[in-house]
Amino acid sequence: MFKKVLVANRGEIAVRIIRACRELGISTVAVFSEADRNGLHVRYADEAYPIGPAPSRDSYLRADKLFEVAKKSGAGAIHPGYGFLAEREDFAAECEKLGITFIGPKPSSIAAMGDKGKARATVIKAGIPVVPGTEDVGNMTDEDLLRVAPTIGFPLLVKASAGGGGKGMREVRNLEEMPTLLQSARREAESAFGDGNVYLEKLVEGARHIEFQIMADTFGNVIHLGERECSIQRRHQKLLEESPSIFLDDELREKMGTIAVKSAQAVDYVNAGTIEFLVDKDRNFYFLEMNTRLQVEHPITELVTGVDIVAEQIRIARGRQLSYTQDQIQINGHAIECRVNAEDPFNGFMPSTGRITHSILPTGHGVRVDTGVYPGFEITPYYDPMIAKLIVWGETRAQAILRMRRALEEYRIVGVRTNIPFHQTLMDSHRYMGGQVDTRFVEERFSMDDSLEGRAANAEIAAIFATLVAHQQSEHNANIIRRNERDTSNWKWVGRWERMHR
């Protein structure tokens, strides 16, 4: 049984894993690139080792360097977090070969489900409905994809076979633009995951993106922890998630949960994973993909179920049974997560870099912030722009929305621009409050121009006032104030002088 874990990741997820290990009495080893030398995960871990330059291909994607650190530090296990090498079959297999416990699924499960194209073929054999697309399990050339695209029909999506998070994904409306978008998707996938393979999938318009969290142990027990509504997206990148989904009724929830468990059992799955579905307006659902890793949005499931998913991952990797049965999983209340990104909502969500000079985190009942930054930390252009996850819980969805409004108002980050104003506008949207959303909601039916312009004007006024106050303080500090030579004020001294000369 391992007693030390190497966390092969960075940022908030590395901090999250380190905290779980500390609660379980397990020592931790952090790795960092040159850009993350002062990262919070580096400070929190028991040991920390440099692994190379800032670009991920030269550091966090270098399996050889990670194994070298594991050997040097004596780590008996590796937790990959999400992204980077989390869904690489060869990495998990090499861990197994070296006698290092991989805190995640077996290499065979990653091969079957981590590759999105292979996952589709696997679940089709199990009789699970999928979104129409390319069913070939091997790598397809651009020529192959261009030839088969018209048979699928436009619009369609080019999607990276490895990884997720909207990386390596492009929306294609016609055959003419497809070659350029294919190359763009391949380059991004290669940079993010070290694998440029892509596949095609029909774009189901007006659909909701709903996923089920599953957990499985080595004793054959598989359960699901309910669903998460992930339809609030921009360019296929999730911005906000909530649990449970108000779109599902008990019957559909049970049916989809059963299919999620069946999908995991089809590949003899172990550890944490996520089965993702698209659900159309008529409540027909289709298997989308399986993420063979921990998800960014796992905290909302933790809040509504009370299950510590990361701790459970570690327990399973140590050879223990699941702590819960399906009957023990109960959904309590409602949780919402806002991804706080370093990007400017006033300028087309352009990435924002710089040094964080000031940060005030919201607190209070039902509020949780997962972050890997602090005042003085520098946001660089090398990695994902997400700098924190703001999560709230409420007894009802309405209470959770009100609590999120309050938490967003309290959140202060100075030094870089963030998308907090976007989330504040979203929380005020009547369509969002009414649950009238789908995967195209943000891009097509959510207007925030008026609200953001108002916030921009307020921000401009605040900046002017701040400048005036700063000027006044600097003028005040420039004055030399010293104690009067007399033992009292000049007014009292004059009064005394007048009384003496009456």
Protein backbone atom coordinates (compact mmCIF):
# COMPACT_ATOMS: atom_id res chain seq x y z
CA MET A 1 0.00 0.00 0.00
CA PHE A 2 1.49 3.33 -1.08
CA LYS A 3 2.28 6.03 1.47
CA LYS A 4 3.38 8.82 -0.88
CA VAL A 5 1.60 10.25 -3.94
CA LEU A 6 3.11 12.23 -6.80
CA VAL A 7 0.59 14.76 -8.12
CA ALA A 8 1.24 15.01 -11.86
CA ASN A 9 -0.59 18.28 -12.36
CA ARG A 10 -0.72 21.94 -11.39
CA GLY A 11 -3.07 24.68 -10.19
CA GLU A 12 -6.26 24.17 -8.25
CA ILE A 13 -6.64 20.45 -8.99
CA ALA A 14 -3.14 19.75 -7.66
CA VAL A 15 -4.03 21.64 -4.47
CA ARG A 16 -7.30 19.69 -4.23
CA ILE A 17 -5.50 16.34 -4.47
CA ILE A 18 -2.82 17.37 -1.97
CA ARG A 19 -5.49 18.32 0.56
CA ALA A 20 -7.24 14.95 0.15
CA CYS A 21 -3.95 13.12 0.64
CA ARG A 22 -3.14 15.14 3.74
CA GLU A 23 -6.49 14.22 5.31
CA LEU A 24 -5.73 10.56 4.62
CA GLY A 25 -2.25 10.84 6.16
CA ILE A 26 -0.45 10.37 2.84
CA SER A 27 2.69 12.34 1.92
CA THR A 28 2.65 14.31 -1.33
CA VAL A 29 5.11 15.21 -4.06
CA ALA A 30 4.49 18.19 -6.36
CA VAL A 31 6.08 18.84 -9.74
CA PHE A 32 6.36 22.24 -11.35
CA SER A 33 7.49 23.93 -14.53
CA GLU A 34 9.57 27.09 -14.54
CA ALA A 35 6.38 29.16 -14.79
CA ASP A 36 4.89 27.45 -11.71
CA ARG A 37 7.90 27.66 -9.41
CA ASN A 38 5.83 29.75 -6.97
CA GLY A 39 2.60 27.80 -7.44
CA LEU A 40 0.35 27.14 -4.48
CA HIS A 41 0.57 23.39 -5.01
CA VAL A 42 4.35 23.67 -4.68
CA ARG A 43 3.95 25.33 -1.28
CA TYR A 44 1.37 22.84 -0.02
CA ALA A 45 3.15 19.60 -0.96
CA ASP A 46 5.65 17.85 1.31
CA GLU A 47 8.19 17.78 -1.52
CA ALA A 48 8.44 19.57 -4.87
CA TYR A 49 10.62 18.98 -7.94
CA PRO A 50 11.18 21.01 -11.15
CA ILE A 51 10.41 19.19 -14.40
CA GLY A 52 11.28 21.66 -17.14
CA PRO A 53 10.38 24.82 -19.08
CA ALA A 54 6.95 26.46 -19.05
CA PRO A 55 5.38 24.85 -22.17
CA SER A 56 3.46 21.74 -21.11
CA ARG A 57 5.05 19.63 -23.86
CA ASP A 58 8.41 20.23 -22.14
CA SER A 59 7.20 19.67 -18.58
CA TYR A 60 3.80 18.30 -17.55
CA LEU A 61 3.50 16.12 -20.66
CA ARG A 62 6.97 14.60 -20.16
CA ALA A 63 6.21 11.19 -18.66
CA ASP A 64 9.92 10.35 -18.41
CA LYS A 65 10.53 13.32 -16.11
CA LEU A 66 7.56 12.40 -13.93
CA PHE A 67 8.82 8.83 -13.52
CA GLU A 68 12.27 10.16 -12.69
CA VAL A 69 10.79 12.31 -9.91
CA ALA A 70 8.69 9.39 -8.65
CA LYS A 71 11.80 7.24 -8.37
CA LYS A 72 13.83 10.00 -6.73
CA SER A 73 11.12 10.87 -4.18
CA GLY A 74 10.02 7.32 -3.48
CA ALA A 75 6.40 7.99 -4.49
CA GLY A 76 4.40 4.77 -4.71
CA ALA A 77 1.48 6.27 -6.66
CA ILE A 78 0.72 8.98 -9.23
CA HIS A 79 -2.50 10.98 -9.39
CA PRO A 80 -2.84 12.64 -12.82
CA GLY A 81 -5.72 15.01 -11.96
CA TYR A 82 -7.36 16.06 -15.24
CA GLY A 83 -5.84 17.14 -18.54
CA PHE A 84 -2.21 16.54 -19.46
CA LEU A 85 -1.55 12.77 -19.08
CA ALA A 86 -4.75 11.87 -17.24
CA GLU A 87 -6.27 9.97 -20.19
CA ARG A 88 -3.13 8.51 -21.73
CA GLU A 89 -3.21 4.74 -21.90
CA ASP A 90 0.56 4.49 -22.40
CA PHE A 91 1.23 6.57 -19.29
CA ALA A 92 -1.02 4.38 -17.11
CA ALA A 93 0.55 1.24 -18.60
CA GLU A 94 4.07 2.49 -17.89
CA CYS A 95 3.08 3.21 -14.26
CA GLU A 96 1.89 -0.39 -14.00
CA LYS A 97 5.11 -1.66 -15.58
CA LEU A 98 7.25 0.32 -13.09
CA GLY A 99 5.24 -0.85 -10.10
CA ILE A 100 3.70 2.59 -9.49
CA THR A 101 -0.01 2.75 -8.66
CA PHE A 102 -1.93 4.86 -11.16
CA ILE A 103 -4.81 6.55 -9.33
CA GLY A 104 -7.30 6.13 -12.12
CA PRO A 105 -8.69 3.45 -14.44
CA LYS A 106 -6.85 0.49 -15.90
CA PRO A 107 -4.92 1.05 -19.17
CA SER A 108 -7.38 -1.20 -21.00
CA SER A 109 -10.32 0.94 -19.86
CA ILE A 110 -8.57 4.12 -20.97
CA ALA A 111 -7.86 2.51 -24.33
CA ALA A 112 -11.51 1.55 -24.72
CA MET A 113 -13.10 4.76 -23.39
CA GLY A 114 -10.36 7.39 -23.18
CA ASP A 115 -10.13 7.42 -26.97
CA LYS A 116 -13.49 8.95 -27.90
CA GLY A 117 -13.75 7.13 -31.22
CA LYS A 118 -13.10 3.75 -29.61
CA ALA A 119 -15.56 4.60 -26.83
CA ARG A 120 -18.32 5.13 -29.37
CA ALA A 121 -17.63 1.75 -30.96
CA THR A 122 -17.57 0.08 -27.53
CA VAL A 123 -20.93 1.40 -26.33
CA ILE A 124 -22.57 0.72 -29.70
CA LYS A 125 -21.71 -2.96 -29.19
CA ALA A 126 -23.36 -2.72 -25.77
CA GLY A 127 -26.55 -1.42 -27.40
CA ILE A 128 -26.24 2.14 -26.08
CA PRO A 129 -27.47 4.95 -28.40
CA VAL A 130 -24.79 7.36 -29.65
CA VAL A 131 -24.70 10.60 -31.61
CA PRO A 132 -24.09 9.79 -35.32
CA GLY A 133 -20.46 10.16 -36.36
CA THR A 134 -17.33 8.28 -37.39
CA GLU A 135 -17.29 4.82 -35.91
CA ASP A 136 -13.77 3.80 -37.01
CA VAL A 137 -11.60 2.93 -34.01
CA GLY A 138 -8.31 3.69 -35.75
CA ASN A 139 -6.69 6.99 -36.61
CA MET A 140 -8.34 8.58 -39.65
CA THR A 141 -6.52 10.86 -42.09
CA ASP A 142 -7.90 14.20 -43.20
CA GLU A 143 -8.82 12.63 -46.53
CA ASP A 144 -10.81 9.90 -44.75
CA LEU A 145 -12.66 12.45 -42.64
CA LEU A 146 -13.43 14.71 -45.60
CA ARG A 147 -14.83 11.76 -47.52
CA VAL A 148 -17.14 10.56 -44.72
CA ALA A 149 -18.30 14.00 -43.49
CA PRO A 150 -21.12 14.46 -46.08
CA THR A 151 -22.62 11.10 -45.10
CA ILE A 152 -22.89 12.28 -41.47
CA GLY A 153 -24.31 15.65 -42.48
CA PHE A 154 -23.54 19.23 -41.52
CA PRO A 155 -23.24 20.91 -39.09
CA LEU A 156 -20.82 18.59 -37.33
CA LEU A 157 -18.03 18.67 -34.78
CA VAL A 158 -14.37 17.80 -35.16
CA LYS A 159 -13.33 16.44 -31.75
CA ALA A 160 -10.02 15.35 -30.25
CA SER A 161 -9.89 11.61 -29.58
CA ALA A 162 -7.89 12.21 -26.38
CA GLY A 163 -8.65 14.62 -23.56
CA GLY A 164 -11.57 17.00 -23.32
CA GLY A 165 -12.40 20.47 -22.01
CA GLY A 166 -13.23 21.77 -25.47
CA LYS A 167 -9.60 21.44 -26.58
CA GLY A 168 -9.12 20.21 -30.13
CA MET A 169 -12.78 20.80 -30.96
CA ARG A 170 -14.11 22.72 -33.97
CA GLU A 171 -17.61 23.29 -35.33
CA VAL A 172 -17.89 22.71 -39.10
CA ARG A 173 -20.77 24.15 -41.11
CA ASN A 174 -19.71 23.13 -44.61
CA LEU A 175 -17.16 21.03 -46.49
CA GLU A 176 -15.23 24.05 -47.80
CA GLU A 177 -14.07 25.20 -44.37
CA MET A 178 -13.40 21.72 -43.05
CA PRO A 179 -9.73 21.22 -44.13
CA THR A 180 -8.58 24.34 -42.29
CA LEU A 181 -10.58 23.46 -39.17
CA LEU A 182 -9.27 19.90 -39.18
CA GLN A 183 -5.68 21.13 -39.10
CA SER A 184 -6.48 23.66 -36.38
CA ALA A 185 -8.14 20.99 -34.22
CA ARG A 186 -5.24 18.58 -34.69
CA ARG A 187 -2.66 21.21 -33.69
CA GLU A 188 -4.57 22.16 -30.53
CA ALA A 189 -5.12 18.51 -29.57
CA GLU A 190 -1.43 17.73 -30.08
CA SER A 191 -0.42 20.70 -27.92
CA ALA A 192 -2.90 19.94 -25.11
CA PHE A 193 -2.78 16.14 -24.97
CA GLY A 194 0.19 15.03 -27.06
CA ASP A 195 -2.21 13.29 -29.46
CA GLY A 196 -3.47 14.95 -32.64
CA ASN A 197 -6.01 12.27 -33.59
CA VAL A 198 -9.58 13.54 -34.16
CA TYR A 199 -12.99 12.13 -35.11
CA LEU A 200 -16.32 13.50 -36.39
CA GLU A 201 -19.65 13.78 -34.65
CA LYS A 202 -23.03 15.15 -35.72
CA LEU A 203 -23.88 18.44 -34.00
CA VAL A 204 -27.18 17.97 -32.17
CA GLU A 205 -28.60 21.48 -32.01
CA GLY A 206 -30.79 22.62 -29.13
CA ALA A 207 -29.52 19.79 -26.91
CA ARG A 208 -28.52 19.76 -23.27
CA HIS A 209 -25.17 18.43 -22.06
CA ILE A 210 -25.78 16.20 -19.04
CA GLU A 211 -23.19 13.95 -17.44
CA PHE A 212 -23.26 11.25 -14.76
CA GLN A 213 -20.48 10.75 -12.22
CA ILE A 214 -19.62 7.09 -11.76
CA MET A 215 -17.38 5.31 -9.23
CA ALA A 216 -16.16 1.72 -9.46
CA ASP A 217 -13.88 -0.46 -7.34
CA THR A 218 -11.81 -3.56 -8.02
CA PHE A 219 -14.50 -5.79 -6.50
CA GLY A 220 -16.97 -5.22 -9.33
CA ASN A 221 -19.07 -2.59 -7.56
CA VAL A 222 -20.18 0.28 -9.83
CA ILE A 223 -22.42 3.16 -8.76
CA HIS A 224 -23.36 6.58 -10.07
CA LEU A 225 -23.52 9.78 -8.00
CA GLY A 226 -26.24 11.51 -9.97
CA GLU A 227 -26.04 13.98 -12.82
CA ARG A 228 -24.58 17.38 -13.57
CA GLU A 229 -26.09 19.94 -15.95
CA CYS A 230 -23.23 21.26 -18.10
CA SER A 231 -25.12 23.07 -20.88
CA ILE A 232 -23.75 26.55 -20.12
CA GLN A 233 -20.83 26.55 -22.55
CA ARG A 234 -18.97 28.93 -24.79
CA ARG A 235 -17.22 27.45 -27.82
CA HIS A 236 -17.72 24.00 -26.27
CA GLN A 237 -15.89 25.05 -23.10
CA LYS A 238 -17.96 24.64 -19.95
CA LEU A 239 -18.44 27.83 -17.93
CA LEU A 240 -20.97 26.84 -15.31
CA GLU A 241 -22.28 23.52 -14.01
CA GLU A 242 -25.01 22.60 -11.56
CA SER A 243 -26.39 19.53 -9.89
CA PRO A 244 -28.98 18.15 -10.12
CA SER A 245 -30.40 19.08 -13.54
CA ILE A 246 -33.88 20.59 -13.39
CA PHE A 247 -34.55 19.12 -16.86
CA LEU A 248 -34.54 15.50 -15.70
CA ASP A 249 -37.42 13.82 -13.93
CA ASP A 250 -36.93 10.81 -11.65
CA GLU A 251 -37.75 8.31 -14.40
CA LEU A 252 -35.28 9.73 -16.92
CA ARG A 253 -32.64 10.17 -14.21
CA GLU A 254 -32.87 6.51 -13.22
CA LYS A 255 -32.77 5.38 -16.84
CA MET A 256 -29.70 7.47 -17.69
CA GLY A 257 -27.96 6.48 -14.47
CA THR A 258 -28.49 2.82 -15.30
CA ILE A 259 -27.02 3.34 -18.78
CA ALA A 260 -24.04 5.18 -17.25
CA VAL A 261 -23.30 2.25 -14.96
CA LYS A 262 -23.77 -0.18 -17.86
CA SER A 263 -21.29 1.81 -19.97
CA ALA A 264 -18.65 1.59 -17.23
CA GLN A 265 -19.26 -2.12 -16.73
CA ALA A 266 -18.82 -2.69 -20.48
CA VAL A 267 -15.10 -1.92 -20.14
CA ASP A 268 -14.55 -3.34 -16.63
CA TYR A 269 -14.03 0.20 -15.35
CA VAL A 270 -12.31 1.04 -12.04
CA ASN A 271 -12.03 4.36 -10.14
CA ALA A 272 -13.78 7.67 -10.97
CA GLY A 273 -15.15 8.51 -14.38
CA THR A 274 -17.89 10.44 -16.14
CA ILE A 275 -20.41 9.33 -18.74
CA GLU A 276 -21.55 12.29 -20.84
CA PHE A 277 -24.85 12.49 -22.72
CA LEU A 278 -26.62 14.83 -25.08
CA VAL A 279 -30.34 15.13 -24.36
CA ASP A 280 -32.57 16.65 -27.04
CA LYS A 281 -35.78 18.65 -26.58
CA ASP A 282 -37.86 15.48 -26.67
CA ARG A 283 -35.78 13.97 -23.83
CA ASN A 284 -34.08 11.46 -26.12
CA PHE A 285 -30.54 10.93 -24.88
CA TYR A 286 -27.37 9.82 -26.64
CA PHE A 287 -24.01 8.67 -25.33
CA LEU A 288 -21.49 11.40 -26.07
CA GLU A 289 -18.23 10.25 -24.50
CA MET A 290 -16.65 8.96 -21.34
CA ASN A 291 -14.03 10.92 -19.44
CA THR A 292 -11.73 8.39 -17.81
CA ARG A 293 -10.58 10.80 -15.14
CA LEU A 294 -11.67 13.24 -12.49
CA GLN A 295 -13.78 16.10 -13.86
CA VAL A 296 -13.27 19.82 -13.25
CA GLU A 297 -16.84 20.09 -11.98
CA HIS A 298 -16.67 17.24 -9.45
CA PRO A 299 -17.15 19.58 -6.41
CA ILE A 300 -20.85 20.16 -7.09
CA THR A 301 -21.46 16.40 -6.93
CA GLU A 302 -19.49 16.30 -3.68
CA LEU A 303 -21.69 19.01 -2.17
CA VAL A 304 -25.04 17.40 -3.05
CA THR A 305 -24.02 13.82 -2.20
CA GLY A 306 -21.51 14.30 0.63
CA VAL A 307 -19.04 11.99 -1.13
CA ASP A 308 -15.37 13.07 -1.22
CA ILE A 309 -14.63 11.88 -4.75
CA VAL A 310 -10.86 12.45 -4.64
CA ALA A 311 -10.49 10.63 -1.31
CA GLU A 312 -12.61 7.81 -2.70
CA GLN A 313 -10.31 7.62 -5.75
CA ILE A 314 -7.32 7.15 -3.46
CA ARG A 315 -9.11 4.55 -1.33
CA ILE A 316 -10.02 2.53 -4.42
CA ALA A 317 -6.43 2.72 -5.69
CA ARG A 318 -5.32 1.29 -2.33
CA GLY A 319 -7.47 -1.75 -2.98
CA ARG A 320 -10.48 -0.94 -0.83
CA GLN A 321 -14.17 -1.32 -1.60
CA LEU A 322 -16.44 1.63 -2.35
CA SER A 323 -17.60 3.35 0.81
CA TYR A 324 -21.15 3.59 -0.52
CA THR A 325 -23.77 1.47 -2.22
CA GLN A 326 -26.18 2.88 -4.80
CA ASP A 327 -29.01 2.92 -2.25
CA GLN A 328 -26.94 5.14 0.06
CA ILE A 329 -26.46 7.86 -2.56
CA GLN A 330 -29.00 10.61 -1.92
CA ILE A 331 -29.16 14.01 -3.61
CA ASN A 332 -29.45 16.75 -1.01
CA GLY A 333 -30.12 20.32 -2.14
CA HIS A 334 -28.64 22.03 -5.18
CA ALA A 335 -25.09 23.10 -6.08
CA ILE A 336 -23.71 25.49 -8.71
CA GLU A 337 -20.12 25.95 -9.88
CA CYS A 338 -18.78 29.00 -11.74
CA ARG A 339 -15.41 28.67 -13.42
CA VAL A 340 -13.47 31.86 -12.76
CA ASN A 341 -11.19 32.39 -15.75
CA ALA A 342 -8.49 34.96 -16.40
CA GLU A 343 -10.18 36.45 -19.45
CA ASP A 344 -11.84 39.74 -20.36
CA PRO A 345 -15.63 39.49 -20.96
CA PHE A 346 -15.59 43.09 -22.20
CA ASN A 347 -13.19 42.19 -25.01
CA GLY A 348 -14.41 38.94 -26.54
CA PHE A 349 -13.16 36.86 -23.59
CA MET A 350 -9.54 37.45 -24.56
CA PRO A 351 -7.08 35.79 -22.13
CA SER A 352 -5.69 38.10 -19.47
CA THR A 353 -2.21 37.64 -18.06
CA GLY A 354 -0.33 39.42 -15.29
CA ARG A 355 0.37 39.33 -11.58
CA ILE A 356 -2.47 39.06 -9.09
CA THR A 357 -1.96 41.96 -6.70
CA HIS A 358 -5.01 41.51 -4.49
CA SER A 359 -7.52 38.73 -3.84
CA ILE A 360 -10.48 38.42 -1.48
CA LEU A 361 -12.24 35.06 -1.49
CA PRO A 362 -15.94 34.82 -0.63
CA THR A 363 -16.81 32.74 2.43
CA GLY A 364 -19.84 31.87 4.49
CA HIS A 365 -22.27 28.97 4.75
CA GLY A 366 -22.52 26.90 1.59
CA VAL A 367 -19.62 28.62 -0.21
CA ARG A 368 -16.46 26.85 -1.39
CA VAL A 369 -13.55 28.14 -3.50
CA ASP A 370 -11.04 25.78 -5.12
CA THR A 371 -8.08 27.78 -6.37
CA GLY A 372 -4.37 27.54 -6.97
CA VAL A 373 -3.53 31.25 -6.98
CA TYR A 374 -2.84 33.93 -4.39
CA PRO A 375 -1.74 37.61 -4.27
CA GLY A 376 1.64 37.80 -5.97
CA PHE A 377 1.04 34.79 -8.24
CA GLU A 378 1.56 35.43 -11.95
CA ILE A 379 -0.96 34.26 -14.55
CA THR A 380 0.98 33.16 -17.64
CA PRO A 381 -0.20 32.34 -21.19
CA TYR A 382 1.08 28.77 -21.06
CA TYR A 383 -1.87 27.00 -19.45
CA ASP A 384 -5.66 26.93 -19.16
CA PRO A 385 -7.06 30.35 -18.09
CA MET A 386 -9.09 28.92 -15.20
CA ILE A 387 -7.77 30.29 -11.92
CA ALA A 388 -10.52 29.23 -9.51
CA LYS A 389 -13.81 27.42 -9.12
CA LEU A 390 -16.51 29.13 -7.07
CA ILE A 391 -18.98 26.55 -5.77
CA VAL A 392 -22.11 27.17 -3.71
CA TRP A 393 -24.75 24.92 -2.15
CA GLY A 394 -28.35 25.70 -1.28
CA GLU A 395 -31.35 23.80 -0.05
CA THR A 396 -33.07 24.71 -3.32
CA ARG A 397 -31.89 25.92 -6.73
CA ALA A 398 -33.31 29.39 -6.01
CA GLN A 399 -31.31 29.61 -2.79
CA ALA A 400 -28.17 28.43 -4.57
CA ILE A 401 -28.58 31.15 -7.22
CA LEU A 402 -29.01 33.83 -4.54
CA ARG A 403 -25.97 32.52 -2.69
CA MET A 404 -23.91 32.53 -5.88
CA ARG A 405 -24.91 36.15 -6.52
CA ARG A 406 -23.71 37.10 -3.06
CA ALA A 407 -20.46 35.14 -3.43
CA LEU A 408 -19.67 36.67 -6.83
CA GLU A 409 -20.24 40.14 -5.39
CA GLU A 410 -17.76 39.41 -2.59
CA TYR A 411 -15.10 37.91 -4.86
CA ARG A 412 -12.27 40.36 -5.56
CA ILE A 413 -9.32 39.70 -7.88
CA VAL A 414 -7.04 42.60 -8.81
CA GLY A 415 -4.19 42.41 -11.33
CA VAL A 416 -5.87 40.46 -14.12
CA ARG A 417 -9.29 40.65 -15.71
CA THR A 418 -11.71 37.82 -14.94
CA ASN A 419 -15.06 36.60 -16.21
CA ILE A 420 -16.79 37.30 -12.87
CA PRO A 421 -18.97 40.01 -14.53
CA PHE A 422 -20.18 37.39 -17.01
CA HIS A 423 -21.26 35.09 -14.19
CA GLN A 424 -22.98 37.96 -12.40
CA THR A 425 -24.93 38.75 -15.56
CA LEU A 426 -25.80 35.09 -16.01
CA MET A 427 -27.15 34.85 -12.47
CA ASP A 428 -29.49 37.77 -13.29
CA SER A 429 -30.73 36.18 -16.53
CA HIS A 430 -34.42 35.27 -16.45
CA ARG A 431 -33.83 32.49 -18.99
CA TYR A 432 -31.15 30.94 -16.83
CA MET A 433 -33.24 31.25 -13.69
CA GLY A 434 -36.06 29.52 -15.55
CA GLY A 435 -33.76 26.72 -16.69
CA GLN A 436 -34.32 27.54 -20.38
CA VAL A 437 -30.81 26.64 -21.52
CA ASP A 438 -29.01 24.37 -23.97
CA THR A 439 -25.46 24.09 -25.30
CA ARG A 440 -25.98 27.12 -27.60
CA PHE A 441 -27.57 29.31 -24.95
CA VAL A 442 -24.57 31.56 -24.26
CA GLU A 443 -23.70 32.10 -27.92
CA GLU A 444 -27.18 32.54 -29.37
CA ARG A 445 -29.78 33.50 -26.77
CA PHE A 446 -27.89 35.05 -23.88
CA SER A 447 -27.43 38.77 -24.33
CA MET A 448 -25.19 40.49 -21.84
CA ASP A 449 -24.26 43.58 -23.83
CA ASP A 450 -26.46 46.01 -21.92
CA SER A 451 -25.51 44.67 -18.54
CA LEU A 452 -21.81 44.55 -19.31
CA GLU A 453 -21.88 48.08 -20.72
CA GLY A 454 -23.46 49.26 -17.49
CA ARG A 455 -20.86 47.41 -15.46
CA ALA A 456 -18.13 48.85 -17.69
CA ALA A 457 -19.42 52.37 -17.06
CA ASN A 458 -19.51 51.71 -13.32
CA ALA A 459 -16.00 50.32 -13.49
CA GLU A 460 -14.84 53.47 -15.30
CA ILE A 461 -16.41 55.71 -12.65
CA ALA A 462 -14.86 53.58 -9.90
CA ALA A 463 -11.46 53.88 -11.56
CA ILE A 464 -11.75 57.69 -11.67
CA PHE A 465 -12.71 57.85 -8.00
CA ALA A 466 -9.90 55.46 -7.10
CA THR A 467 -7.43 57.70 -8.95
CA LEU A 468 -8.67 60.78 -7.09
CA VAL A 469 -8.43 59.03 -3.73
CA ALA A 470 -4.94 57.78 -4.53
CA HIS A 471 -3.91 61.30 -5.55
CA GLN A 472 -5.35 62.76 -2.35
CA GLN A 473 -3.52 60.20 -0.23
CA SER A 474 -0.24 60.80 -2.02
CA GLU A 475 -0.62 64.56 -1.49
CA HIS A 476 -1.43 63.98 2.16
CA ASN A 477 1.58 61.71 2.61
CA ALA A 478 3.80 64.32 0.96
CA ASN A 479 3.01 66.85 3.69
CA ILE A 480 5.38 66.82 6.66
CA ILE A 481 3.30 66.67 9.80
CA ARG A 482 5.16 67.19 13.04
CA ARG A 483 4.26 67.84 16.63
CA ASN A 484 3.70 71.43 17.66
CA GLU A 485 6.62 72.89 19.64
CA ARG A 486 4.14 73.96 22.31
CA ASP A 487 2.39 71.44 24.52
CA THR A 488 -1.01 72.36 23.14
CA SER A 489 -2.69 73.58 19.96
CA ASN A 490 -2.19 77.08 18.58
CA TRP A 491 -5.87 77.91 19.18
CA LYS A 492 -5.58 77.10 22.88
CA TRP A 493 -2.30 79.01 23.11
CA VAL A 494 -3.88 82.13 21.56
CA GLY A 495 -6.80 81.84 23.99
CA ARG A 496 -4.44 81.73 26.94
CA TRP A 497 -2.47 84.73 25.61
CA GLU A 498 -5.66 86.80 25.23
CA ARG A 499 -6.75 86.01 28.83
CA MET A 500 -3.36 87.05 30.17
CA HIS A 501 -3.52 90.43 28.41
CA ARG A 502 -7.06 91.49 29.28
